[in-house]
Amino acid sequence: MGFNIAGIVINKNLENSIETIEKAFSWNFAFVEEINFEQASENWKEESICDIYFSSNGTFIFLNMEMCIDEYKMKGSKVLTYALSETSMSFNVNITENGFI
């Protein structure tokens, strides 16, 4: 079994602005528990689960592979959407800036 990881990287720390992410992507978050980076970046995410890691310069959102097929856009930010599957030997990378591809 190969490594599989997918998610979104935003070029801003949005720890104190979760509603910005919810509004931009039409999502609703519910806090379950605090985890570390290693747990957040584990192989395979369940469909209804996302893990968020806040660094000093960015926000990392780890998602299910199917949620990262298309790009995500956020006004005023650079957004990288990625999916890497060693299992199927496939990858997808999209970059948007200020809401544009």
Protein backbone atom coordinates (compact mmCIF):
# COMPACT_ATOMS: atom_id res chain seq x y z
CA MET A 1 0.00 0.00 0.00
CA GLY A 2 1.42 3.38 -1.03
CA PHE A 3 1.21 6.77 0.59
CA ASN A 4 -1.78 8.95 -0.26
CA ILE A 5 -2.21 12.57 0.76
CA ALA A 6 -4.46 15.38 -0.40
CA GLY A 7 -5.39 18.83 0.75
CA ILE A 8 -5.20 22.57 0.48
CA VAL A 9 -2.49 25.03 1.48
CA ILE A 10 -3.36 28.71 1.97
CA ASN A 11 -0.61 31.31 2.22
CA LYS A 12 -2.00 32.83 5.45
CA ASN A 13 -2.44 31.65 9.01
CA LEU A 14 -6.24 31.61 9.38
CA GLU A 15 -6.36 30.13 12.88
CA ASN A 16 -8.33 33.11 14.15
CA SER A 17 -10.44 33.36 10.96
CA ILE A 18 -11.96 29.91 10.45
CA GLU A 19 -15.11 31.58 9.15
CA THR A 20 -13.05 32.92 6.21
CA ILE A 21 -12.35 29.33 5.10
CA GLU A 22 -15.97 28.28 5.68
CA LYS A 23 -17.28 31.17 3.58
CA ALA A 24 -14.74 30.81 0.75
CA PHE A 25 -15.29 27.07 0.31
CA SER A 26 -18.96 26.83 1.46
CA TRP A 27 -18.05 24.50 4.33
CA ASN A 28 -19.11 24.20 7.97
CA PHE A 29 -16.56 23.08 10.54
CA ALA A 30 -17.10 21.39 13.87
CA PHE A 31 -14.13 21.14 16.25
CA VAL A 32 -13.61 17.58 17.48
CA GLU A 33 -10.14 17.48 19.00
CA GLU A 34 -6.68 18.99 18.75
CA ILE A 35 -4.07 16.82 17.01
CA ASN A 36 -0.43 17.22 15.97
CA PHE A 37 0.99 17.58 12.44
CA GLU A 38 1.86 13.88 12.14
CA GLN A 39 -1.74 12.89 12.87
CA ALA A 40 -3.11 15.55 10.52
CA SER A 41 -0.97 14.37 7.61
CA GLU A 42 -1.76 10.65 7.99
CA ASN A 43 -2.50 8.47 4.99
CA TRP A 44 -6.15 8.57 3.71
CA LYS A 45 -8.82 10.85 5.16
CA GLU A 46 -12.43 9.86 5.67
CA GLU A 47 -14.92 11.69 3.48
CA SER A 48 -16.44 13.87 6.19
CA ILE A 49 -13.19 14.57 8.07
CA CYS A 50 -10.64 17.29 7.50
CA ASP A 51 -7.64 18.09 9.64
CA ILE A 52 -6.27 21.62 9.78
CA TYR A 53 -2.74 22.59 10.73
CA PHE A 54 -1.81 26.24 11.28
CA SER A 55 1.80 27.25 10.75
CA SER A 56 3.13 30.74 11.31
CA ASN A 57 2.86 31.50 7.57
CA GLY A 58 0.06 29.30 6.32
CA THR A 59 -2.92 27.03 6.79
CA PHE A 60 -2.78 23.36 5.80
CA ILE A 61 -6.07 21.51 5.32
CA PHE A 62 -5.76 17.75 4.88
CA LEU A 63 -8.72 16.26 3.01
CA ASN A 64 -10.13 13.21 1.28
CA MET A 65 -8.63 12.65 -2.19
CA GLU A 66 -11.96 13.16 -3.99
CA MET A 67 -12.28 16.66 -2.51
CA CYS A 68 -9.03 17.75 -4.17
CA ILE A 69 -9.75 17.02 -7.81
CA ASP A 70 -10.72 20.62 -8.59
CA GLU A 71 -9.09 23.84 -7.47
CA TYR A 72 -10.18 25.99 -4.53
CA LYS A 73 -10.19 29.78 -4.71
CA MET A 74 -10.01 32.46 -2.03
CA LYS A 75 -9.92 36.19 -2.67
CA GLY A 76 -6.77 37.85 -1.36
CA SER A 77 -4.88 34.54 -1.00
CA LYS A 78 -2.78 32.04 -2.87
CA VAL A 79 -4.30 28.56 -2.63
CA LEU A 80 -2.58 25.31 -3.57
CA THR A 81 -4.84 22.26 -3.98
CA TYR A 82 -3.02 18.93 -4.26
CA ALA A 83 -3.62 15.18 -4.33
CA LEU A 84 -0.90 12.53 -4.46
CA SER A 85 -1.63 8.82 -4.64
CA GLU A 86 1.27 6.40 -4.75
CA THR A 87 -1.30 3.61 -4.83
CA SER A 88 -2.71 4.68 -8.21
CA MET A 89 0.46 6.53 -9.30
CA SER A 90 -1.47 9.74 -9.91
CA PHE A 91 -1.28 13.34 -8.78
CA ASN A 92 -3.13 16.60 -9.18
CA VAL A 93 -1.89 20.13 -8.43
CA ASN A 94 -3.82 23.38 -8.85
CA ILE A 95 -2.76 26.88 -7.84
CA THR A 96 -5.03 29.90 -7.64
CA GLU A 97 -4.21 33.47 -6.67
CA ASN A 98 -6.71 36.06 -5.48
CA GLY A 99 -9.62 33.90 -6.67
CA PHE A 100 -8.21 33.20 -10.16
CA ILE A 101 -6.49 30.22 -11.76
